[in-house]
Protein backbone atom coordinates (compact mmCIF):
# COMPACT_ATOMS: atom_id res chain seq x y z
CA MET A 1 -20.01 -5.89 28.78
CA MET A 2 -18.94 -7.96 25.80
CA TYR A 3 -22.52 -8.16 24.54
CA ALA A 4 -22.87 -4.37 24.76
CA ILE A 5 -19.68 -3.89 22.76
CA ARG A 6 -20.82 -6.44 20.21
CA ALA A 7 -24.12 -4.61 19.74
CA ALA A 8 -22.33 -1.31 19.32
CA LEU A 9 -20.01 -2.82 16.73
CA ALA A 10 -22.92 -3.92 14.61
CA ALA A 11 -24.28 -0.38 14.65
CA VAL A 12 -21.13 1.52 13.69
CA GLY A 13 -22.05 4.02 11.01
CA LEU A 14 -25.62 2.80 10.63
CA CYS A 15 -26.94 6.19 11.61
CA VAL A 16 -25.07 7.75 8.71
CA PHE A 17 -26.92 5.87 6.02
CA ALA A 18 -30.59 5.55 5.22
CA PRO A 19 -31.47 2.26 3.48
CA ALA A 20 -33.48 2.48 0.32
CA PRO A 21 -36.84 0.74 -0.15
CA ALA A 22 -36.48 -2.84 -1.32
CA ASN A 23 -36.65 -3.45 -5.04
CA THR A 24 -35.75 -6.12 -7.52
CA ALA A 25 -32.20 -4.81 -7.85
CA MET A 26 -31.57 -5.39 -4.12
CA PRO A 27 -29.13 -2.50 -3.60
CA LEU A 28 -26.41 -3.06 -1.05
CA THR A 29 -27.03 -1.49 2.34
CA LEU A 30 -24.42 -0.82 4.99
CA ASP A 31 -25.94 -3.65 7.05
CA ASP A 32 -25.34 -6.02 4.13
CA ALA A 33 -21.72 -4.89 3.86
CA PHE A 34 -21.21 -5.40 7.59
CA ASP A 35 -22.65 -8.92 7.45
CA ARG A 36 -20.48 -9.92 4.50
CA VAL A 37 -17.27 -8.70 6.11
CA ILE A 38 -18.01 -10.26 9.49
CA ALA A 39 -18.85 -13.57 7.85
CA THR A 40 -15.85 -13.76 5.52
CA HIS A 41 -12.92 -11.68 6.73
CA PRO A 42 -9.91 -13.91 7.60
CA ASP A 43 -8.70 -11.62 10.39
CA LEU A 44 -11.82 -12.41 12.43
CA GLU A 45 -11.71 -16.12 11.62
CA ALA A 46 -8.10 -16.40 12.81
CA TYR A 47 -9.03 -15.48 16.38
CA ARG A 48 -11.20 -18.59 16.60
CA PHE A 49 -8.08 -20.75 16.43
CA ALA A 50 -6.29 -18.57 18.96
CA GLU A 51 -9.20 -19.06 21.33
CA ALA A 52 -9.08 -22.84 20.81
CA ALA A 53 -5.37 -22.76 21.64
CA ARG A 54 -6.06 -20.83 24.86
CA LEU A 55 -8.72 -23.36 25.87
CA ALA A 56 -6.24 -26.18 25.34
CA GLU A 57 -3.65 -24.30 27.40
CA ALA A 58 -6.18 -23.98 30.22
CA ASP A 59 -6.85 -27.74 30.14
CA GLN A 60 -3.12 -28.35 30.28
CA ALA A 61 -2.63 -25.93 33.19
CA ARG A 62 -5.31 -27.70 35.26
CA GLN A 63 -3.39 -30.95 35.18
CA SER A 64 -1.53 -32.06 38.29
CA PRO A 65 2.11 -33.22 38.09
CA PRO A 66 2.28 -36.63 36.42
CA ARG A 67 2.95 -39.86 38.28
CA ARG A 68 5.84 -41.89 36.95
CA VAL A 69 6.37 -45.64 37.06
CA GLU A 70 10.02 -46.67 37.06
CA LEU A 71 11.69 -50.06 36.78
CA ASP A 72 15.33 -50.22 37.85
CA ALA A 73 17.58 -53.25 37.37
CA GLU A 74 20.96 -53.68 39.08
CA ASN A 75 23.68 -56.34 38.98
CA LEU A 76 22.82 -57.50 35.48
CA LEU A 77 25.20 -59.16 33.01
CA GLY A 78 28.16 -58.92 35.35
CA SER A 79 30.94 -61.40 35.87
CA GLY A 80 31.74 -64.01 38.44
CA ALA A 81 29.14 -64.24 41.17
CA ILE A 82 26.84 -61.74 39.42
CA ALA A 83 27.13 -63.17 35.92
CA GLY A 84 23.91 -63.21 33.90
CA VAL A 85 20.78 -62.32 35.79
CA ARG A 86 21.22 -64.63 38.77
CA SER A 87 22.08 -61.74 41.12
CA ALA A 88 19.79 -59.11 39.56
CA GLU A 89 17.99 -56.72 41.84
CA LEU A 90 14.77 -55.29 40.39
CA THR A 91 13.04 -52.22 41.77
CA LEU A 92 9.54 -51.15 40.71
CA SER A 93 8.65 -47.68 41.99
CA LEU A 94 6.05 -44.95 41.71
CA SER A 95 7.08 -41.27 41.91
CA SER A 96 5.62 -37.80 41.55
CA VAL A 97 5.82 -34.25 42.90
CA ILE A 98 3.79 -32.68 45.68
CA GLU A 99 3.18 -29.08 44.60
CA ARG A 100 3.01 -26.61 47.45
CA GLY A 101 2.05 -22.96 47.69
CA GLY A 102 -1.07 -23.16 45.52
CA LYS A 103 0.86 -23.59 42.28
CA LEU A 104 -1.91 -25.56 40.57
CA ALA A 105 -4.58 -22.95 41.38
CA ALA A 106 -2.29 -20.07 40.36
CA ARG A 107 -1.31 -21.77 37.11
CA SER A 108 -4.97 -22.48 36.30
CA ALA A 109 -5.95 -18.87 37.07
CA VAL A 110 -3.38 -17.53 34.58
CA ALA A 111 -4.59 -19.89 31.86
CA GLU A 112 -8.27 -19.13 32.53
CA LEU A 113 -7.68 -15.39 32.24
CA ARG A 114 -5.74 -15.80 29.00
CA ILE A 115 -8.85 -17.33 27.40
CA GLU A 116 -10.44 -13.86 27.31
CA GLY A 117 -7.53 -12.38 25.35
CA PRO A 118 -8.43 -13.52 21.81
CA GLU A 119 -12.05 -12.44 22.24
CA LEU A 120 -10.99 -8.93 23.27
CA LEU A 121 -8.58 -8.72 20.35
CA ARG A 122 -11.28 -9.98 18.01
CA GLU A 123 -13.75 -7.36 19.25
CA ALA A 124 -11.18 -4.60 18.74
CA ARG A 125 -10.34 -5.86 15.26
CA ARG A 126 -14.02 -6.20 14.37
CA LEU A 127 -14.64 -2.62 15.48
CA ASP A 128 -11.78 -1.43 13.25
CA LEU A 129 -13.06 -3.49 10.32
CA LEU A 130 -16.62 -2.22 10.61
CA ALA A 131 -15.36 1.35 10.80
CA GLU A 132 -13.35 0.70 7.62
CA VAL A 133 -16.46 -0.75 5.94
CA ALA A 134 -18.41 2.39 6.90
CA ARG A 135 -15.66 4.64 5.54
CA ARG A 136 -15.46 2.79 2.20
CA PHE A 137 -19.24 2.70 1.92
CA LEU A 138 -19.22 6.45 2.56
CA ASP A 139 -16.56 6.94 -0.13
CA ALA A 140 -18.63 4.98 -2.64
CA ALA A 141 -21.77 6.93 -1.76
CA ALA A 142 -19.86 10.20 -2.01
CA ALA A 143 -18.62 9.33 -5.49
CA GLU A 144 -22.18 8.68 -6.59
CA SER A 145 -23.34 11.95 -5.02
CA LEU A 146 -20.63 13.82 -6.90
CA ALA A 147 -21.79 12.17 -10.12
CA ALA A 148 -25.37 13.23 -9.38
CA LEU A 149 -24.18 16.78 -8.80
CA SER A 150 -22.35 16.76 -12.13
CA ARG A 151 -25.53 15.51 -13.86
CA GLU A 152 -27.39 18.51 -12.49
CA ASP A 153 -24.57 20.78 -13.59
CA LEU A 154 -24.68 19.22 -17.05
CA VAL A 155 -28.41 19.93 -17.30
CA GLN A 156 -27.75 23.57 -16.44
CA ARG A 157 -24.88 23.78 -18.93
CA GLU A 158 -27.14 22.36 -21.65
CA ARG A 159 -29.80 24.97 -20.85
CA MET A 160 -27.14 27.64 -20.96
CA ALA A 161 -25.75 26.40 -24.29
CA ALA A 162 -29.26 26.31 -25.75
CA ALA A 163 -29.95 29.90 -24.63
CA VAL A 164 -26.63 31.08 -26.08
CA ALA A 165 -27.34 29.29 -29.36
CA ASP A 166 -30.74 30.98 -29.62
CA ARG A 167 -29.19 34.41 -29.15
CA HIS A 168 -26.44 33.61 -31.67
CA ARG A 169 -29.01 32.61 -34.29
CA ALA A 170 -30.79 35.84 -33.58
CA GLY A 171 -27.55 37.67 -34.32
CA ILE A 172 -27.18 38.97 -30.78
CA GLU A 173 -24.10 36.91 -29.71
CA LEU A 174 -20.71 36.53 -31.31
CA ALA A 175 -19.74 33.10 -32.68
CA SER A 176 -17.24 32.59 -29.85
CA VAL A 177 -19.91 32.63 -27.13
CA PRO A 178 -21.77 29.42 -28.14
CA LEU A 179 -18.41 27.75 -28.67
CA ALA A 180 -17.38 28.66 -25.11
CA ALA A 181 -20.72 27.42 -23.75
CA GLU A 182 -20.31 24.11 -25.59
CA ALA A 183 -16.75 23.73 -24.30
CA ALA A 184 -18.03 24.23 -20.75
CA ARG A 185 -20.72 21.62 -21.36
CA LEU A 186 -18.16 19.14 -22.67
CA ARG A 187 -15.92 19.78 -19.67
CA VAL A 188 -18.78 18.94 -17.29
CA ALA A 189 -19.68 15.84 -19.33
CA ALA A 190 -16.08 14.62 -19.11
CA GLU A 191 -16.06 15.25 -15.36
CA LEU A 192 -19.28 13.26 -15.02
CA GLU A 193 -17.70 10.31 -16.86
CA ARG A 194 -14.66 10.46 -14.58
CA GLN A 195 -16.84 10.49 -11.48
CA LEU A 196 -18.84 7.50 -12.70
CA ARG A 197 -15.60 5.56 -13.16
CA SER A 198 -14.45 6.71 -9.72
CA ALA A 199 -17.71 5.44 -8.21
CA ALA A 200 -17.12 2.02 -9.81
CA HIS A 201 -13.61 1.92 -8.37
CA SER A 202 -14.98 2.85 -4.92
CA ARG A 203 -17.53 0.02 -5.07
CA ARG A 204 -14.80 -2.43 -6.02
CA ARG A 205 -12.63 -1.17 -3.14
CA LEU A 206 -15.55 -1.81 -0.79
CA ALA A 207 -16.18 -5.30 -2.18
CA VAL A 208 -12.54 -6.28 -1.58
CA LEU A 209 -13.28 -6.29 2.15
CA TRP A 210 -15.48 -9.39 1.73
CA GLY A 211 -13.20 -11.00 -0.82
CA SER A 212 -14.87 -9.90 -4.04
CA SER A 213 -13.69 -7.81 -6.97
CA ALA A 214 -17.13 -6.93 -8.32
CA GLU A 215 -18.16 -3.35 -8.88
CA ASN A 216 -21.36 -3.83 -10.88
CA TYR A 217 -23.70 -3.64 -7.89
CA SER A 218 -25.75 -0.70 -6.66
CA LEU A 219 -25.72 0.99 -3.28
CA ALA A 220 -28.77 1.76 -1.20
CA THR A 221 -29.88 5.38 -1.22
CA VAL A 222 -27.66 7.51 1.01
CA ASP A 223 -28.74 10.92 2.28
CA LEU A 224 -25.43 12.69 2.77
CA GLY A 225 -27.26 15.96 3.36
CA ARG A 226 -28.23 14.83 6.86
CA LEU A 227 -25.79 16.05 9.47
CA PRO A 228 -24.92 14.21 12.69
CA GLU A 229 -25.75 15.76 16.01
CA LEU A 230 -22.77 16.95 18.01
CA PRO A 231 -22.48 14.63 21.06
CA ASP A 232 -21.42 15.85 24.48
CA TYR A 233 -17.63 15.76 24.67
CA ARG A 234 -17.51 14.79 28.35
CA VAL A 235 -19.85 11.88 27.75
CA LEU A 236 -17.60 10.61 24.98
CA THR A 237 -14.46 10.76 27.12
CA GLY A 238 -16.30 8.82 29.81
CA LEU A 239 -17.09 6.07 27.30
CA LEU A 240 -13.43 5.55 26.40
CA SER A 241 -12.78 3.37 29.46
CA GLN A 242 -15.12 0.71 28.05
CA THR A 243 -13.54 0.49 24.62
CA PRO A 244 -11.94 -2.83 23.63
CA ALA A 245 -8.49 -1.21 23.42
CA LEU A 246 -8.53 -0.13 27.07
CA LEU A 247 -10.32 -3.29 28.17
CA GLN A 248 -7.31 -5.17 26.82
CA PHE A 249 -5.09 -3.28 29.26
CA ALA A 250 -7.43 -4.19 32.13
CA HIS A 251 -7.37 -7.80 31.01
CA GLU A 252 -3.59 -7.81 30.72
CA THR A 253 -3.34 -6.35 34.22
CA ARG A 254 -5.43 -9.22 35.60
CA VAL A 255 -3.29 -11.74 33.73
CA ARG A 256 -0.08 -10.29 35.13
CA GLU A 257 -1.52 -10.19 38.64
CA ALA A 258 -2.28 -13.90 38.29
CA ARG A 259 1.26 -14.46 36.98
CA LEU A 260 2.59 -12.59 40.00
CA GLN A 261 0.71 -14.98 42.28
CA LEU A 262 2.16 -17.88 40.32
CA ALA A 263 5.67 -16.46 40.63
CA ARG A 264 5.23 -16.03 44.39
CA SER A 265 4.02 -19.59 44.73
CA ALA A 266 7.39 -20.74 43.36
CA ALA A 267 8.90 -19.80 46.74
CA ALA A 268 7.08 -22.76 48.31
CA THR A 269 9.25 -25.85 48.05
CA ASP A 270 7.88 -28.78 46.08
CA ILE A 271 8.54 -32.27 47.33
CA ASP A 272 9.67 -35.06 45.00
CA TRP A 273 8.71 -38.46 46.40
CA GLN A 274 9.28 -42.00 45.30
CA ILE A 275 8.16 -45.33 46.76
CA GLY A 276 8.61 -48.85 45.43
CA LEU A 277 9.47 -52.52 45.89
CA ARG A 278 12.88 -54.09 45.39
CA ARG A 279 13.28 -57.81 44.64
CA TYR A 280 16.53 -59.55 45.42
CA GLN A 281 17.20 -62.45 43.04
CA GLN A 282 19.12 -64.44 45.58
CA GLY A 283 16.63 -65.69 48.10
CA SER A 284 13.73 -64.12 46.19
CA ASP A 285 13.31 -61.58 48.99
CA TRP A 286 11.33 -58.31 48.66
CA GLY A 287 11.95 -54.96 50.31
CA LEU A 288 10.24 -51.58 50.42
CA VAL A 289 12.25 -48.60 49.18
CA GLY A 290 11.43 -44.92 49.13
CA SER A 291 12.93 -41.46 48.86
CA VAL A 292 12.04 -37.83 49.38
CA SER A 293 13.83 -34.93 47.62
CA ILE A 294 13.49 -31.33 48.78
CA PRO A 295 15.35 -28.59 46.85
CA LEU A 296 16.86 -25.79 48.90
CA GLY A 297 16.95 -22.05 48.27
CA ASN A 298 13.62 -21.73 46.50
CA VAL A 299 12.81 -18.37 48.05
CA ARG A 300 15.99 -16.81 46.75
CA ARG A 301 15.60 -18.33 43.29
CA SER A 302 11.96 -17.23 42.98
CA LEU A 303 12.64 -13.61 43.94
CA PRO A 304 13.80 -12.40 40.44
CA GLY A 305 10.68 -13.82 38.84
CA VAL A 306 8.50 -11.95 41.32
CA GLN A 307 10.41 -8.73 40.70
CA ILE A 308 10.01 -9.10 36.91
CA ILE A 309 6.23 -9.43 37.16
CA GLU A 310 5.98 -6.55 39.63
CA ALA A 311 7.92 -4.32 37.23
CA GLU A 312 5.66 -5.39 34.35
CA LEU A 313 2.57 -4.53 36.40
CA ALA A 314 3.92 -1.07 37.13
CA GLN A 315 4.83 -0.65 33.45
CA ILE A 316 1.40 -1.60 32.13
CA ALA A 317 -0.27 1.02 34.34
CA PHE A 318 1.79 3.75 32.66
CA GLU A 319 1.25 2.20 29.22
CA ARG A 320 -2.50 2.27 29.78
CA GLU A 321 -2.38 5.90 30.87
CA GLY A 322 -0.35 6.84 27.81
CA TYR A 323 -2.66 4.94 25.47
CA GLN A 324 -5.74 6.53 27.03
CA ARG A 325 -4.26 9.99 26.49
CA ALA A 326 -3.59 9.10 22.85
CA LEU A 327 -7.22 7.96 22.49
CA GLU A 328 -8.43 11.16 24.11
CA ALA A 329 -6.31 13.21 21.71
CA THR A 330 -7.76 11.34 18.73
CA LEU A 331 -11.26 11.74 20.13
CA ALA A 332 -10.71 15.48 20.65
CA GLU A 333 -9.54 15.85 17.06
CA ALA A 334 -12.49 13.91 15.64
CA TRP A 335 -14.97 15.81 17.83
CA GLY A 336 -13.45 19.12 16.72
CA GLN A 337 -13.69 18.10 13.06
CA LEU A 338 -17.34 17.17 13.54
CA ASP A 339 -18.10 20.49 15.25
CA LEU A 340 -16.41 22.53 12.51
CA ALA A 341 -18.01 20.51 9.72
CA ILE A 342 -21.51 20.90 11.15
CA ASP A 343 -21.07 24.65 11.56
CA ARG A 344 -19.68 25.11 8.04
CA ALA A 345 -22.39 22.94 6.45
CA GLU A 346 -25.15 24.90 8.16
CA ARG A 347 -23.69 28.22 7.05
CA ILE A 348 -23.43 27.02 3.45
CA GLU A 349 -26.95 25.60 3.48
CA ASN A 350 -28.65 28.50 5.23
CA ASP A 351 -26.73 31.50 3.89
CA LEU A 352 -24.33 30.98 1.00
CA LEU A 353 -26.27 28.64 -1.29
CA PRO A 354 -29.57 30.58 -1.15
CA ALA A 355 -27.71 33.80 -1.98
CA LEU A 356 -25.95 32.20 -4.95
CA MET A 357 -29.19 30.65 -6.22
CA ARG A 358 -30.92 34.03 -6.13
CA ALA A 359 -28.00 35.64 -7.92
CA ALA A 360 -27.96 32.90 -10.61
CA ASP A 361 -31.71 33.29 -11.24
CA ALA A 362 -31.27 37.04 -11.58
CA ALA A 363 -28.30 36.58 -13.93
CA GLU A 364 -30.29 34.22 -16.14
CA ARG A 365 -33.21 36.63 -16.39
CA SER A 366 -30.81 39.47 -17.07
CA TYR A 367 -28.99 37.51 -19.79
CA ARG A 368 -32.19 36.43 -21.53
CA ALA A 369 -33.29 40.05 -21.46
CA GLY A 370 -30.00 41.10 -23.03
CA ALA A 371 -28.91 43.16 -20.05
CA SER A 372 -25.82 41.11 -19.06
CA SER A 373 -23.23 38.81 -20.56
CA HIS A 374 -23.09 35.03 -20.69
CA LEU A 375 -19.95 35.03 -18.52
CA GLU A 376 -21.77 36.34 -15.45
CA TRP A 377 -24.41 33.60 -15.62
CA ALA A 378 -21.77 30.92 -16.30
CA GLN A 379 -19.59 32.09 -13.42
CA LEU A 380 -22.49 32.00 -10.97
CA GLN A 381 -23.39 28.48 -12.12
CA SER A 382 -19.77 27.44 -11.50
CA ASP A 383 -19.89 29.07 -8.05
CA ILE A 384 -23.09 27.19 -7.20
CA ILE A 385 -21.59 23.83 -8.18
CA GLN A 386 -18.37 24.58 -6.32
CA THR A 387 -20.32 25.56 -3.20
CA ARG A 388 -22.49 22.45 -3.37
CA ARG A 389 -19.34 20.36 -3.67
CA GLU A 390 -17.96 22.13 -0.62
CA ARG A 391 -21.25 21.36 1.17
CA LEU A 392 -20.83 17.72 0.23
CA ASP A 393 -17.19 17.72 1.38
CA VAL A 394 -17.99 19.13 4.81
CA SER A 395 -20.88 16.68 5.17
CA LEU A 396 -18.49 13.83 4.38
CA ALA A 397 -16.01 15.23 6.90
CA ALA A 398 -18.77 15.23 9.52
CA HIS A 399 -19.74 11.63 8.80
CA ARG A 400 -16.11 10.48 8.79
CA ALA A 401 -15.58 12.17 12.15
CA LEU A 402 -18.73 10.46 13.45
CA ILE A 403 -17.44 7.06 12.30
CA GLU A 404 -14.15 7.72 14.09
CA LEU A 405 -15.95 8.70 17.29
CA GLN A 406 -17.98 5.49 17.11
CA ARG A 407 -14.84 3.45 16.51
CA LEU A 408 -13.14 5.03 19.52
CA THR A 409 -16.05 4.68 21.92
CA GLY A 410 -17.72 1.52 20.62
CA GLN A 411 -21.05 3.34 20.84
CA THR A 412 -23.71 4.35 18.34
CA LEU A 413 -24.08 8.11 17.93
CA SER A 414 -27.10 9.66 16.30
CA VAL A 415 -28.04 11.42 13.11
CA PRO A 416 -31.47 13.11 12.99
CA ALA A 417 -34.15 10.93 11.41
CA SER A 418 -35.08 13.81 9.15
CA SER A 419 -33.47 17.09 8.25
CA ASP A 420 -34.62 20.43 6.95
CA ARG A 421 -31.12 21.42 5.85
CA GLY A 422 -31.84 20.74 2.22
CA ALA A 423 -31.76 17.93 -0.26
CA THR A 424 -28.82 15.67 -0.83
CA PRO A 425 -26.31 17.47 -3.07
């Protein structure tokens, strides 16, 4: 199970991004970003020490009660007949505890189960980190896509300004019209500059995850026009039980069951024993001594500990149920966002954008023929850019929802290998 989760973690978000062909610039792919974060992030490295601590705890739990060697001396440095050491009595003894009720096995079982804890926490944290890498990579790619869209808009604004200037020189347009067209061009150029700076900031924000502050690297080509497929909702809810978050509850249940067995074993009375030799100074005689100590009332004293663990076991069952419902609610929200985003993107791509493009072409022909004003053509160009930005926004919403679904389920969900929904905005 752990290997399946690990494989899914490495694939989070991979289906969203298409790597570019290799070139001398070596653009950063999402795989590269994943590798850098996994190799360098301190949160993941810290769990290695927690696991080492759990292994040491398990070694300690497997140890039996220690044997003790004791040396007792009596009648030393007294007065009269026992002055000095002439009447000393020396006792050398060996003592230990006989554990009963399977305490050693129960204690070892608890420690062995606790070894799995750091690995489960690490897998959950790694899944969260990789999802965050995918989101930041998506943000950086989106900023570059917005900049590309503004470049196309700038080309159109330059064509428009040139057409207006030609008509003004021909004495057909007022002087204010080319000034307005130039102002619109400058506005788009300023927006392009802002988006380029935003893209640099997004790349730096991504690089911070692997401990860098660089932003002067390039990203692999990302086709944000491709839409994810909508997965079956019932299949997704079935996958939730195998996510690291819920596996932690199952693990904690096993740990507490082992602790319950350990608490019950405390009802069995341990036996303290001691055996040794006593030497009497006078006469140089030796004698065997021994003792056995058995505490009373262990069953009564162990009962509160058993009740505590039983209550914790009942509590964790309800906590798991509550957490699963919260996961299901988050999954339902992400799935709904993906469904709505896919539907909206398809409507924009198939219906709205083609209609606007036809209207813009007609407005340009009409303007060049002198049958309409510059404002109509300019407004349609603005509508096209705004609609393409909306198409990009809903595509980003779809990919973000997909990343969240992958984070929740620990599974790789698909994006079509190719798409006929249009070019990347």
